[in-house]
PDB file of N, CA and C in Angstrom:
ATOM      1  N   UNK A   1     -18.555 -35.446 103.008  1.00  0.00           N
ATOM      2  CA  UNK A   1     -19.920 -35.006 102.836  1.00  0.00           C
ATOM      3  C   UNK A   1     -20.810 -36.020 103.555  1.00  0.00           C
ATOM      4  N   UNK A   2     -21.468 -35.610 104.627  1.00  0.00           N
ATOM      5  CA  UNK A   2     -22.305 -36.530 105.406  1.00  0.00           C
ATOM      6  C   UNK A   2     -23.515 -37.053 104.633  1.00  0.00           C
ATOM      7  N   UNK A   3     -23.832 -38.319 104.846  1.00  0.00           N
ATOM      8  CA  UNK A   3     -25.034 -38.930 104.282  1.00  0.00           C
ATOM      9  C   UNK A   3     -26.193 -38.599 105.218  1.00  0.00           C
ATOM     10  N   UNK A   4     -27.277 -38.051 104.675  1.00  0.00           N
ATOM     11  CA  UNK A   4     -28.425 -37.711 105.525  1.00  0.00           C
ATOM     12  C   UNK A   4     -29.641 -38.596 105.261  1.00  0.00           C
ATOM     13  N   UNK A   5     -29.615 -39.377 104.157  1.00  0.00           N
ATOM     14  CA  UNK A   5     -30.715 -40.319 103.893  1.00  0.00           C
ATOM     15  C   UNK A   5     -30.301 -41.304 102.802  1.00  0.00           C
ATOM     16  N   UNK A   6     -30.981 -42.458 102.820  1.00  0.00           N
ATOM     17  CA  UNK A   6     -30.820 -43.489 101.789  1.00  0.00           C
ATOM     18  C   UNK A   6     -32.186 -44.103 101.528  1.00  0.00           C
ATOM     19  N   UNK A   7     -32.542 -44.239 100.260  1.00  0.00           N
ATOM     20  CA  UNK A   7     -33.785 -44.917  99.893  1.00  0.00           C
ATOM     21  C   UNK A   7     -33.740 -45.306  98.424  1.00  0.00           C
ATOM     22  N   UNK A   8     -34.273 -46.484  98.122  1.00  0.00           N
ATOM     23  CA  UNK A   8     -34.381 -46.998  96.754  1.00  0.00           C
ATOM     24  C   UNK A   8     -33.071 -46.892  95.963  1.00  0.00           C
ATOM     25  N   UNK A   9     -31.959 -47.120  96.631  1.00  0.00           N
ATOM     26  CA  UNK A   9     -30.660 -47.054  95.964  1.00  0.00           C
ATOM     27  C   UNK A   9     -30.122 -45.648  95.783  1.00  0.00           C
ATOM     28  N   UNK A  10     -30.814 -44.661  96.325  1.00  0.00           N
ATOM     29  CA  UNK A  10     -30.397 -43.261  96.221  1.00  0.00           C
ATOM     30  C   UNK A  10     -29.765 -42.848  97.543  1.00  0.00           C
ATOM     31  N   UNK A  11     -28.627 -42.182  97.457  1.00  0.00           N
ATOM     32  CA  UNK A  11     -27.941 -41.662  98.643  1.00  0.00           C
ATOM     33  C   UNK A  11     -28.031 -40.145  98.598  1.00  0.00           C
ATOM     34  N   UNK A  12     -28.484 -39.541  99.708  1.00  0.00           N
ATOM     35  CA  UNK A  12     -28.605 -38.086  99.809  1.00  0.00           C
ATOM     36  C   UNK A  12     -27.495 -37.582 100.723  1.00  0.00           C
ATOM     37  N   UNK A  13     -26.733 -36.593 100.224  1.00  0.00           N
ATOM     38  CA  UNK A  13     -25.634 -36.013 100.993  1.00  0.00           C
ATOM     39  C   UNK A  13     -25.743 -34.497 100.977  1.00  0.00           C
ATOM     40  N   UNK A  14     -25.041 -33.860 101.939  1.00  0.00           N
ATOM     41  CA  UNK A  14     -24.986 -32.406 101.980  1.00  0.00           C
ATOM     42  C   UNK A  14     -23.575 -31.998 102.390  1.00  0.00           C
ATOM     43  N   UNK A  15     -23.048 -30.975 101.724  1.00  0.00           N
ATOM     44  CA  UNK A  15     -21.726 -30.468 102.083  1.00  0.00           C
ATOM     45  C   UNK A  15     -21.764 -29.773 103.431  1.00  0.00           C
ATOM     46  N   UNK A  16     -20.612 -29.695 104.069  1.00  0.00           N
ATOM     47  CA  UNK A  16     -20.523 -29.105 105.404  1.00  0.00           C
ATOM     48  C   UNK A  16     -20.382 -27.590 105.371  1.00  0.00           C
ATOM     49  N   UNK A  17     -19.611 -27.033 104.454  1.00  0.00           N
ATOM     50  CA  UNK A  17     -19.355 -25.582 104.454  1.00  0.00           C
ATOM     51  C   UNK A  17     -20.342 -24.862 103.547  1.00  0.00           C
ATOM     52  N   UNK A  18     -21.386 -24.306 104.135  1.00  0.00           N
ATOM     53  CA  UNK A  18     -22.452 -23.724 103.330  1.00  0.00           C
ATOM     54  C   UNK A  18     -22.032 -22.492 102.552  1.00  0.00           C
ATOM     55  N   UNK A  19     -21.222 -21.620 103.099  1.00  0.00           N
ATOM     56  CA  UNK A  19     -20.931 -20.374 102.393  1.00  0.00           C
ATOM     57  C   UNK A  19     -20.145 -20.613 101.111  1.00  0.00           C
ATOM     58  N   UNK A  20     -19.501 -21.762 100.996  1.00  0.00           N
ATOM     59  CA  UNK A  20     -18.757 -22.088  99.788  1.00  0.00           C
ATOM     60  C   UNK A  20     -19.617 -22.829  98.774  1.00  0.00           C
ATOM     61  N   UNK A  21     -20.840 -23.157  99.133  1.00  0.00           N
ATOM     62  CA  UNK A  21     -21.663 -23.998  98.266  1.00  0.00           C
ATOM     63  C   UNK A  21     -23.098 -23.495  98.162  1.00  0.00           C
ATOM     64  N   UNK A  22     -23.300 -22.213  97.901  1.00  0.00           N
ATOM     65  CA  UNK A  22     -24.651 -21.689  97.744  1.00  0.00           C
ATOM     66  C   UNK A  22     -25.106 -21.857  96.313  1.00  0.00           C
ATOM     67  N   UNK A  23     -26.402 -21.950  96.020  1.00  0.00           N
ATOM     68  CA  UNK A  23     -27.536 -21.879  96.936  1.00  0.00           C
ATOM     69  C   UNK A  23     -27.658 -23.170  97.749  1.00  0.00           C
ATOM     70  N   UNK A  24     -28.477 -23.135  98.813  1.00  0.00           N
ATOM     71  CA  UNK A  24     -28.680 -24.344  99.618  1.00  0.00           C
ATOM     72  C   UNK A  24     -29.146 -25.499  98.731  1.00  0.00           C
ATOM     73  N   UNK A  25     -28.489 -26.655  98.856  1.00  0.00           N
ATOM     74  CA  UNK A  25     -28.784 -27.781  97.980  1.00  0.00           C
ATOM     75  C   UNK A  25     -28.364 -29.094  98.617  1.00  0.00           C
ATOM     76  N   UNK A  26     -28.811 -30.189  98.001  1.00  0.00           N
ATOM     77  CA  UNK A  26     -28.373 -31.526  98.390  1.00  0.00           C
ATOM     78  C   UNK A  26     -27.747 -32.183  97.160  1.00  0.00           C
ATOM     79  N   UNK A  27     -27.003 -33.244  97.419  1.00  0.00           N
ATOM     80  CA  UNK A  27     -26.429 -34.071  96.364  1.00  0.00           C
ATOM     81  C   UNK A  27     -27.129 -35.418  96.426  1.00  0.00           C
ATOM     82  N   UNK A  28     -27.664 -35.866  95.316  1.00  0.00           N
ATOM     83  CA  UNK A  28     -28.314 -37.171  95.232  1.00  0.00           C
ATOM     84  C   UNK A  28     -27.481 -38.058  94.317  1.00  0.00           C
ATOM     85  N   UNK A  29     -27.103 -39.227  94.825  1.00  0.00           N
ATOM     86  CA  UNK A  29     -26.278 -40.160  94.069  1.00  0.00           C
ATOM     87  C   UNK A  29     -27.092 -41.432  93.847  1.00  0.00           C
ATOM     88  N   UNK A  30     -27.177 -41.846  92.595  1.00  0.00           N
ATOM     89  CA  UNK A  30     -27.938 -43.038  92.217  1.00  0.00           C
ATOM     90  C   UNK A  30     -27.082 -43.811  91.219  1.00  0.00           C
ATOM     91  N   UNK A  31     -26.358 -44.820  91.716  1.00  0.00           N
ATOM     92  CA  UNK A  31     -25.426 -45.540  90.861  1.00  0.00           C
ATOM     93  C   UNK A  31     -24.351 -44.600  90.363  1.00  0.00           C
ATOM     94  N   UNK A  32     -24.192 -44.527  89.044  1.00  0.00           N
ATOM     95  CA  UNK A  32     -23.180 -43.634  88.475  1.00  0.00           C
ATOM     96  C   UNK A  32     -23.727 -42.227  88.202  1.00  0.00           C
ATOM     97  N   UNK A  33     -24.980 -41.990  88.540  1.00  0.00           N
ATOM     98  CA  UNK A  33     -25.607 -40.687  88.310  1.00  0.00           C
ATOM     99  C   UNK A  33     -25.536 -39.818  89.565  1.00  0.00           C
ATOM    100  N   UNK A  34     -25.381 -38.517  89.329  1.00  0.00           N
ATOM    101  CA  UNK A  34     -25.338 -37.562  90.442  1.00  0.00           C
ATOM    102  C   UNK A  34     -26.178 -36.354  90.060  1.00  0.00           C
ATOM    103  N   UNK A  35     -26.942 -35.856  91.029  1.00  0.00           N
ATOM    104  CA  UNK A  35     -27.710 -34.640  90.813  1.00  0.00           C
ATOM    105  C   UNK A  35     -27.545 -33.702  91.990  1.00  0.00           C
ATOM    106  N   UNK A  36     -27.450 -32.417  91.701  1.00  0.00           N
ATOM    107  CA  UNK A  36     -27.406 -31.380  92.726  1.00  0.00           C
ATOM    108  C   UNK A  36     -28.743 -30.661  92.640  1.00  0.00           C
ATOM    109  N   UNK A  37     -29.526 -30.710  93.727  1.00  0.00           N
ATOM    110  CA  UNK A  37     -30.889 -30.179  93.702  1.00  0.00           C
ATOM    111  C   UNK A  37     -31.025 -29.048  94.705  1.00  0.00           C
ATOM    112  N   UNK A  38     -31.533 -27.912  94.227  1.00  0.00           N
ATOM    113  CA  UNK A  38     -31.748 -26.714  95.037  1.00  0.00           C
ATOM    114  C   UNK A  38     -32.840 -26.988  96.073  1.00  0.00           C
ATOM    115  N   UNK A  39     -32.584 -26.640  97.337  1.00  0.00           N
ATOM    116  CA  UNK A  39     -33.559 -26.871  98.410  1.00  0.00           C
ATOM    117  C   UNK A  39     -34.809 -26.013  98.267  1.00  0.00           C
ATOM    118  N   UNK A  40     -34.683 -24.827  97.715  1.00  0.00           N
ATOM    119  CA  UNK A  40     -35.829 -23.920  97.610  1.00  0.00           C
ATOM    120  C   UNK A  40     -36.705 -24.224  96.393  1.00  0.00           C
ATOM    121  N   UNK A  41     -36.076 -24.416  95.239  1.00  0.00           N
ATOM    122  CA  UNK A  41     -36.833 -24.553  93.989  1.00  0.00           C
ATOM    123  C   UNK A  41     -37.069 -26.005  93.584  1.00  0.00           C
ATOM    124  N   UNK A  42     -36.320 -26.941  94.188  1.00  0.00           N
ATOM    125  CA  UNK A  42     -36.355 -28.359  93.851  1.00  0.00           C
ATOM    126  C   UNK A  42     -35.945 -28.612  92.399  1.00  0.00           C
ATOM    127  N   UNK A  43     -35.167 -27.707  91.827  1.00  0.00           N
ATOM    128  CA  UNK A  43     -34.656 -27.869  90.469  1.00  0.00           C
ATOM    129  C   UNK A  43     -33.272 -28.484  90.529  1.00  0.00           C
ATOM    130  N   UNK A  44     -32.974 -29.362  89.567  1.00  0.00           N
ATOM    131  CA  UNK A  44     -31.627 -29.912  89.477  1.00  0.00           C
ATOM    132  C   UNK A  44     -30.744 -28.835  88.849  1.00  0.00           C
ATOM    133  N   UNK A  45     -29.771 -28.365  89.600  1.00  0.00           N
ATOM    134  CA  UNK A  45     -28.914 -27.279  89.123  1.00  0.00           C
ATOM    135  C   UNK A  45     -27.626 -27.804  88.493  1.00  0.00           C
ATOM    136  N   UNK A  46     -27.407 -29.110  88.661  1.00  0.00           N
ATOM    137  CA  UNK A  46     -26.231 -29.738  88.072  1.00  0.00           C
ATOM    138  C   UNK A  46     -26.438 -31.247  88.092  1.00  0.00           C
ATOM    139  N   UNK A  47     -25.928 -31.939  87.084  1.00  0.00           N
ATOM    140  CA  UNK A  47     -25.950 -33.388  87.123  1.00  0.00           C
ATOM    141  C   UNK A  47     -26.784 -34.044  86.048  1.00  0.00           C
ATOM    142  N   UNK A  48     -26.912 -35.380  86.204  1.00  0.00           N
ATOM    143  CA  UNK A  48     -27.570 -36.188  85.192  1.00  0.00           C
ATOM    144  C   UNK A  48     -28.463 -37.271  85.803  1.00  0.00           C
ATOM    145  N   UNK A  49     -29.094 -36.960  86.912  1.00  0.00           N
ATOM    146  CA  UNK A  49     -29.965 -37.917  87.590  1.00  0.00           C
ATOM    147  C   UNK A  49     -31.130 -38.298  86.680  1.00  0.00           C
ATOM    148  N   UNK A  50     -31.440 -39.594  86.553  1.00  0.00           N
ATOM    149  CA  UNK A  50     -32.589 -39.999  85.733  1.00  0.00           C
ATOM    150  C   UNK A  50     -33.899 -39.388  86.254  1.00  0.00           C
ATOM    151  N   UNK A  51     -34.838 -39.191  85.368  1.00  0.00           N
ATOM    152  CA  UNK A  51     -36.113 -38.537  85.689  1.00  0.00           C
ATOM    153  C   UNK A  51     -36.833 -39.199  86.863  1.00  0.00           C
ATOM    154  N   UNK A  52     -36.929 -40.527  86.868  1.00  0.00           N
ATOM    155  CA  UNK A  52     -37.632 -41.246  87.948  1.00  0.00           C
ATOM    156  C   UNK A  52     -36.942 -41.017  89.289  1.00  0.00           C
ATOM    157  N   UNK A  53     -35.621 -41.101  89.326  1.00  0.00           N
ATOM    158  CA  UNK A  53     -34.872 -40.877  90.563  1.00  0.00           C
ATOM    159  C   UNK A  53     -35.032 -39.435  91.017  1.00  0.00           C
ATOM    160  N   UNK A  54     -34.965 -38.480  90.096  1.00  0.00           N
ATOM    161  CA  UNK A  54     -35.141 -37.074  90.441  1.00  0.00           C
ATOM    162  C   UNK A  54     -36.526 -36.837  91.027  1.00  0.00           C
ATOM    163  N   UNK A  55     -37.536 -37.460  90.460  1.00  0.00           N
ATOM    164  CA  UNK A  55     -38.896 -37.322  90.965  1.00  0.00           C
ATOM    165  C   UNK A  55     -39.000 -37.821  92.407  1.00  0.00           C
ATOM    166  N   UNK A  56     -38.388 -38.963  92.697  1.00  0.00           N
ATOM    167  CA  UNK A  56     -38.425 -39.503  94.061  1.00  0.00           C
ATOM    168  C   UNK A  56     -37.664 -38.598  95.029  1.00  0.00           C
ATOM    169  N   UNK A  57     -36.523 -38.072  94.592  1.00  0.00           N
ATOM    170  CA  UNK A  57     -35.738 -37.176  95.448  1.00  0.00           C
ATOM    171  C   UNK A  57     -36.542 -35.911  95.750  1.00  0.00           C
ATOM    172  N   UNK A  58     -37.184 -35.346  94.754  1.00  0.00           N
ATOM    173  CA  UNK A  58     -37.979 -34.124  94.970  1.00  0.00           C
ATOM    174  C   UNK A  58     -39.163 -34.387  95.894  1.00  0.00           C
ATOM    175  N   UNK A  59     -39.804 -35.539  95.746  1.00  0.00           N
ATOM    176  CA  UNK A  59     -40.902 -35.899  96.648  1.00  0.00           C
ATOM    177  C   UNK A  59     -40.386 -35.992  98.085  1.00  0.00           C
ATOM    178  N   UNK A  60     -39.232 -36.635  98.269  1.00  0.00           N
ATOM    179  CA  UNK A  60     -38.623 -36.760  99.590  1.00  0.00           C
ATOM    180  C   UNK A  60     -38.251 -35.378 100.143  1.00  0.00           C
ATOM    181  N   UNK A  61     -37.692 -34.527  99.283  1.00  0.00           N
ATOM    182  CA  UNK A  61     -37.289 -33.181  99.723  1.00  0.00           C
ATOM    183  C   UNK A  61     -38.488 -32.357 100.186  1.00  0.00           C
ATOM    184  N   UNK A  62     -39.624 -32.485  99.510  1.00  0.00           N
ATOM    185  CA  UNK A  62     -40.831 -31.767  99.929  1.00  0.00           C
ATOM    186  C   UNK A  62     -41.251 -32.192 101.327  1.00  0.00           C
ATOM    187  N   UNK A  63     -41.153 -33.489 101.606  1.00  0.00           N
ATOM    188  CA  UNK A  63     -41.532 -34.008 102.927  1.00  0.00           C
ATOM    189  C   UNK A  63     -40.597 -33.533 104.032  1.00  0.00           C
ATOM    190  N   UNK A  64     -39.349 -33.239 103.691  1.00  0.00           N
ATOM    191  CA  UNK A  64     -38.336 -32.915 104.704  1.00  0.00           C
ATOM    192  C   UNK A  64     -37.715 -31.535 104.522  1.00  0.00           C
ATOM    193  N   UNK A  65     -38.416 -30.641 103.839  1.00  0.00           N
ATOM    194  CA  UNK A  65     -37.853 -29.321 103.525  1.00  0.00           C
ATOM    195  C   UNK A  65     -37.412 -28.570 104.778  1.00  0.00           C
ATOM    196  N   UNK A  66     -38.233 -28.575 105.810  1.00  0.00           N
ATOM    197  CA  UNK A  66     -37.881 -27.863 107.048  1.00  0.00           C
ATOM    198  C   UNK A  66     -36.606 -28.433 107.650  1.00  0.00           C
ATOM    199  N   UNK A  67     -36.523 -29.757 107.738  1.00  0.00           N
ATOM    200  CA  UNK A  67     -35.324 -30.402 108.284  1.00  0.00           C
ATOM    201  C   UNK A  67     -34.099 -30.108 107.428  1.00  0.00           C
ATOM    202  N   UNK A  68     -34.254 -30.149 106.118  1.00  0.00           N
ATOM    203  CA  UNK A  68     -33.126 -29.899 105.227  1.00  0.00           C
ATOM    204  C   UNK A  68     -32.594 -28.483 105.377  1.00  0.00           C
ATOM    205  N   UNK A  69     -33.494 -27.512 105.462  1.00  0.00           N
ATOM    206  CA  UNK A  69     -33.052 -26.124 105.651  1.00  0.00           C
ATOM    207  C   UNK A  69     -32.397 -25.936 107.022  1.00  0.00           C
ATOM    208  N   UNK A  70     -32.918 -26.608 108.022  1.00  0.00           N
ATOM    209  CA  UNK A  70     -32.313 -26.542 109.352  1.00  0.00           C
ATOM    210  C   UNK A  70     -30.898 -27.125 109.331  1.00  0.00           C
ATOM    211  N   UNK A  71     -30.733 -28.259 108.675  1.00  0.00           N
ATOM    212  CA  UNK A  71     -29.402 -28.862 108.565  1.00  0.00           C
ATOM    213  C   UNK A  71     -28.460 -27.907 107.835  1.00  0.00           C
ATOM    214  N   UNK A  72     -28.924 -27.324 106.731  1.00  0.00           N
ATOM    215  CA  UNK A  72     -28.095 -26.405 105.953  1.00  0.00           C
ATOM    216  C   UNK A  72     -27.675 -25.204 106.805  1.00  0.00           C
ATOM    217  N   UNK A  73     -28.623 -24.630 107.544  1.00  0.00           N
ATOM    218  CA  UNK A  73     -28.345 -23.414 108.313  1.00  0.00           C
ATOM    219  C   UNK A  73     -27.549 -23.645 109.586  1.00  0.00           C
ATOM    220  N   UNK A  74     -27.745 -24.778 110.234  1.00  0.00           N
ATOM    221  CA  UNK A  74     -27.080 -25.023 111.518  1.00  0.00           C
ATOM    222  C   UNK A  74     -25.855 -25.918 111.397  1.00  0.00           C
ATOM    223  N   UNK A  75     -25.777 -26.672 110.306  1.00  0.00           N
ATOM    224  CA  UNK A  75     -24.716 -27.664 110.112  1.00  0.00           C
ATOM    225  C   UNK A  75     -24.774 -28.773 111.162  1.00  0.00           C
ATOM    226  N   UNK A  76     -25.941 -28.954 111.782  1.00  0.00           N
ATOM    227  CA  UNK A  76     -26.179 -30.066 112.699  1.00  0.00           C
ATOM    228  C   UNK A  76     -26.777 -31.207 111.886  1.00  0.00           C
ATOM    229  N   UNK A  77     -25.912 -32.063 111.391  1.00  0.00           N
ATOM    230  CA  UNK A  77     -26.341 -33.137 110.511  1.00  0.00           C
ATOM    231  C   UNK A  77     -27.033 -34.245 111.281  1.00  0.00           C
ATOM    232  N   UNK A  78     -28.093 -34.764 110.662  1.00  0.00           N
ATOM    233  CA  UNK A  78     -28.820 -35.884 111.253  1.00  0.00           C
ATOM    234  C   UNK A  78     -29.344 -36.748 110.110  1.00  0.00           C
ATOM    235  N   UNK A  79     -29.584 -37.988 110.424  1.00  0.00           N
ATOM    236  CA  UNK A  79     -30.126 -38.922 109.444  1.00  0.00           C
ATOM    237  C   UNK A  79     -31.640 -38.704 109.370  1.00  0.00           C
ATOM    238  N   UNK A  80     -32.147 -38.515 108.161  1.00  0.00           N
ATOM    239  CA  UNK A  80     -33.581 -38.299 107.949  1.00  0.00           C
ATOM    240  C   UNK A  80     -34.227 -39.591 107.454  1.00  0.00           C
ATOM    241  N   UNK A  81     -35.515 -39.789 107.719  1.00  0.00           N
ATOM    242  CA  UNK A  81     -36.199 -41.007 107.274  1.00  0.00           C
ATOM    243  C   UNK A  81     -36.235 -41.109 105.754  1.00  0.00           C
ATOM    244  N   UNK A  82     -36.260 -42.325 105.244  1.00  0.00           N
ATOM    245  CA  UNK A  82     -36.312 -42.510 103.798  1.00  0.00           C
ATOM    246  C   UNK A  82     -37.689 -42.201 103.215  1.00  0.00           C
ATOM    247  N   UNK A  83     -37.750 -42.141 101.904  1.00  0.00           N
ATOM    248  CA  UNK A  83     -39.021 -42.015 101.205  1.00  0.00           C
ATOM    249  C   UNK A  83     -39.756 -43.328 101.327  1.00  0.00           C
ATOM    250  N   UNK A  84     -41.030 -43.275 101.674  1.00  0.00           N
ATOM    251  CA  UNK A  84     -41.809 -44.509 101.833  1.00  0.00           C
ATOM    252  C   UNK A  84     -42.882 -44.605 100.773  1.00  0.00           C
TER     253      UNK A  84
END
């Protein structure tokens, strides 16, 4: 699973095979916590990410929604800028 961003100790990853992993989503890893967040709704659909980390991930996702959907649809992975 390629890493597409890192910030504040959070690692953002996305699976390669989209048809096996719908809806479009990212995986956020923060220490021993993991969250699966829907790209469209920004809801955590699986996991136990702490509230503060989830808030930062959602803020980052809003800033990069177009890029994230492009990566999901094309499978052309690229490193995205961190949350500032």
